[in-house]
Amino acid sequence: MGKSPISNNIRTLRFMHNEMTQQELAEKVGVTRQTVVAIEKAKYSPSLEVAFRIARVFNSSLEEVFSYSTSDEPAD
């Protein structure tokens, strides 16, 4: 299994939002801290609903939080 085509800026966004912890983000989104860890490390892709919730916490668009690239397309 290769690297996920979905990457994210969650760690950076957490830092920019008063150094929010993974636990604080998890509580705001309604998931466990372990889920946030897995999403942040691109080991797990969140549901669309959870992705929108994460974006809303950071007052950002989905595209500002997550990016998608296929193997034949260069990453941003």
Protein backbone atom coordinates (compact mmCIF):
# COMPACT_ATOMS: atom_id res chain seq x y z
CA MET A 1 0.00 0.00 0.00
CA GLY A 2 1.48 3.34 -1.09
CA LYS A 3 1.30 6.79 0.39
CA SER A 4 -2.18 8.30 0.59
CA PRO A 5 -2.98 10.75 -2.22
CA ILE A 6 -4.55 13.01 0.42
CA SER A 7 -2.24 15.30 2.35
CA ASN A 8 -3.12 17.97 4.89
CA ASN A 9 -1.95 21.08 6.70
CA ILE A 10 -3.55 20.24 10.04
CA ARG A 11 -0.36 20.39 12.09
CA THR A 12 0.51 23.83 10.70
CA LEU A 13 -3.04 25.08 11.20
CA ARG A 14 -3.08 23.82 14.79
CA PHE A 15 0.16 25.69 15.47
CA MET A 16 -1.24 28.87 13.89
CA HIS A 17 -4.37 28.63 16.07
CA ASN A 18 -2.76 29.21 19.45
CA GLU A 19 -0.83 25.94 19.26
CA MET A 20 -4.05 23.92 19.54
CA THR A 21 -3.38 20.39 20.75
CA GLN A 22 -4.50 17.28 18.93
CA GLN A 23 -6.83 16.61 21.88
CA GLU A 24 -8.42 20.06 21.61
CA LEU A 25 -9.00 19.60 17.88
CA ALA A 26 -10.44 16.13 18.47
CA GLU A 27 -12.92 17.51 21.01
CA LYS A 28 -14.01 20.32 18.68
CA VAL A 29 -14.51 17.91 15.77
CA GLY A 30 -16.04 15.05 17.76
CA VAL A 31 -13.42 12.36 17.15
CA THR A 32 -10.68 10.77 19.27
CA ARG A 33 -7.16 12.17 19.55
CA GLN A 34 -5.93 8.97 17.90
CA THR A 35 -8.10 9.76 14.87
CA VAL A 36 -6.59 13.24 14.64
CA VAL A 37 -3.09 11.72 14.86
CA ALA A 38 -3.86 9.26 12.05
CA ILE A 39 -5.38 11.96 9.81
CA GLU A 40 -2.48 14.33 10.48
CA LYS A 41 0.05 11.63 9.53
CA ALA A 42 -1.98 10.80 6.37
CA LYS A 43 -2.48 7.24 7.59
CA TYR A 44 -6.26 7.69 7.58
CA SER A 45 -8.53 9.75 5.34
CA PRO A 46 -11.41 11.37 7.21
CA SER A 47 -15.01 11.18 6.09
CA LEU A 48 -16.22 14.19 4.17
CA GLU A 49 -18.22 15.30 7.22
CA VAL A 50 -15.16 15.16 9.50
CA ALA A 51 -13.07 16.96 6.88
CA PHE A 52 -15.63 19.79 6.77
CA ARG A 53 -15.69 19.95 10.58
CA ILE A 54 -11.90 20.23 10.70
CA ALA A 55 -11.93 22.99 8.07
CA ARG A 56 -14.65 24.84 10.02
CA VAL A 57 -12.59 24.73 13.24
CA PHE A 58 -9.81 26.55 11.38
CA ASN A 59 -12.23 28.83 9.51
CA SER A 60 -10.68 27.52 6.30
CA SER A 61 -11.85 25.91 3.08
CA LEU A 62 -11.35 22.19 2.51
CA GLU A 63 -8.66 23.03 -0.05
CA GLU A 64 -6.72 25.03 2.55
CA VAL A 65 -6.71 22.05 4.92
CA PHE A 66 -6.55 19.06 2.54
CA SER A 67 -5.03 18.48 -0.87
CA TYR A 68 -5.40 15.57 -3.24
CA SER A 69 -2.98 14.41 -5.89
CA THR A 70 -2.81 11.27 -8.00
CA SER A 71 0.42 9.49 -8.88
CA ASP A 72 0.47 11.02 -12.37
CA GLU A 73 -0.15 14.52 -11.08
CA PRO A 74 2.48 16.58 -9.20
CA ALA A 75 1.66 17.54 -5.62
CA ASP A 76 1.00 21.19 -4.80
